[in-house]
Protein backbone atom coordinates (compact mmCIF):
# COMPACT_ATOMS: atom_id res chain seq x y z
CA ILE A 1 16.14 -10.87 9.65
CA LEU A 2 14.68 -8.38 12.11
CA THR A 3 13.96 -5.84 9.38
CA ALA A 4 12.18 -8.45 7.25
CA ARG A 5 10.01 -9.57 10.17
CA LEU A 6 9.07 -6.02 11.10
CA ALA A 7 8.38 -5.05 7.48
CA LYS A 8 5.98 -7.99 7.18
CA ALA A 9 4.12 -7.13 10.39
CA CYS A 10 4.25 -3.34 10.02
CA PRO A 11 4.42 -2.39 6.34
CA ILE A 12 5.93 1.03 5.68
CA ASN A 13 3.92 3.51 3.67
CA PRO A 14 5.61 4.05 0.30
CA ARG A 15 5.66 7.78 1.05
CA GLN A 16 7.72 7.22 4.20
CA SER A 17 11.15 8.70 3.76
CA GLY A 18 12.60 8.99 7.24
CA PHE A 19 14.57 6.17 8.83
CA ILE A 20 14.83 4.12 5.65
CA ARG A 21 17.72 3.66 3.27
CA SER A 22 17.60 6.00 0.35
CA ALA A 23 20.17 7.43 -2.00
CA ASP A 24 19.05 10.98 -1.32
CA CYS A 25 16.02 13.20 -0.90
CA SER A 26 15.54 13.82 -4.64
CA GLU A 27 12.34 11.75 -4.78
CA ASN A 28 10.72 13.94 -2.13
CA LEU A 29 11.85 17.09 -3.92
CA LYS A 30 10.40 15.83 -7.21
CA LEU A 31 7.09 15.12 -5.49
CA LEU A 32 7.03 18.58 -3.92
CA GLN A 33 7.80 20.22 -7.26
CA LEU A 34 4.98 18.25 -8.88
CA LEU A 35 2.52 19.33 -6.19
CA ILE A 36 3.55 22.97 -6.56
CA ARG A 37 3.24 22.86 -10.36
CA ASN A 38 -0.20 21.23 -10.17
CA ALA A 39 -1.45 23.74 -7.61
CA LYS A 40 -0.24 26.65 -9.74
CA ARG A 41 -1.74 25.19 -12.92
CA GLU A 42 -5.09 24.60 -11.21
CA HIS A 43 -4.93 27.97 -9.39
CA GLN A 44 -5.38 26.13 -6.10
CA PRO A 45 -3.85 27.05 -2.76
CA LEU A 46 -1.24 24.66 -1.45
CA GLY A 47 -0.09 24.31 2.13
CA VAL A 48 3.17 22.56 2.90
CA VAL A 49 4.36 21.56 6.35
CA PHE A 50 7.76 20.12 7.16
CA VAL A 51 7.95 18.24 10.44
CA ASP A 52 11.16 17.11 12.07
CA LEU A 53 10.53 14.79 14.99
CA ALA A 54 13.98 14.94 16.52
CA LYS A 55 14.68 12.06 18.85
CA ALA A 56 11.16 10.73 18.26
CA PHE A 57 12.14 7.15 19.08
CA ASP A 58 14.14 8.20 22.13
CA THR A 59 11.22 10.13 23.60
CA THR A 60 8.59 7.44 22.99
CA SER A 61 7.90 5.01 25.79
CA HIS A 62 9.50 1.71 24.85
CA SER A 63 6.67 -0.15 26.57
CA HIS A 64 4.24 1.59 24.19
CA ILE A 65 6.35 0.56 21.22
CA ILE A 66 6.44 -3.05 22.42
CA LEU A 67 2.67 -3.01 22.99
CA ALA A 68 2.06 -1.64 19.48
CA LEU A 69 4.31 -4.31 17.98
CA LYS A 70 2.47 -7.04 19.91
CA GLN A 71 -0.85 -5.68 18.62
CA LYS A 72 0.56 -6.00 15.10
CA GLY A 73 1.43 -9.62 15.78
CA VAL A 74 5.19 -9.22 16.09
CA ASP A 75 6.77 -11.97 18.18
CA SER A 76 7.94 -10.53 21.49
CA HIS A 77 11.09 -12.68 21.34
CA LEU A 78 12.63 -10.92 18.36
């Protein structure tokens, strides 16, 4: 129930891959391979950055998270 309510108020970008259920990371690898192939074919430079935000939720102020959810219209009594 909670997930459905949050998904409605705060839709997840289809490119989001962290913190969601997924069989594996193959979709991200396929996308990366496609980008590399296209850049090579078009003789264009390609920059790739991998970011790992370890403990991102733990280090974010919970009051800021609650405020952001309220701004999105999420009921504070979830």
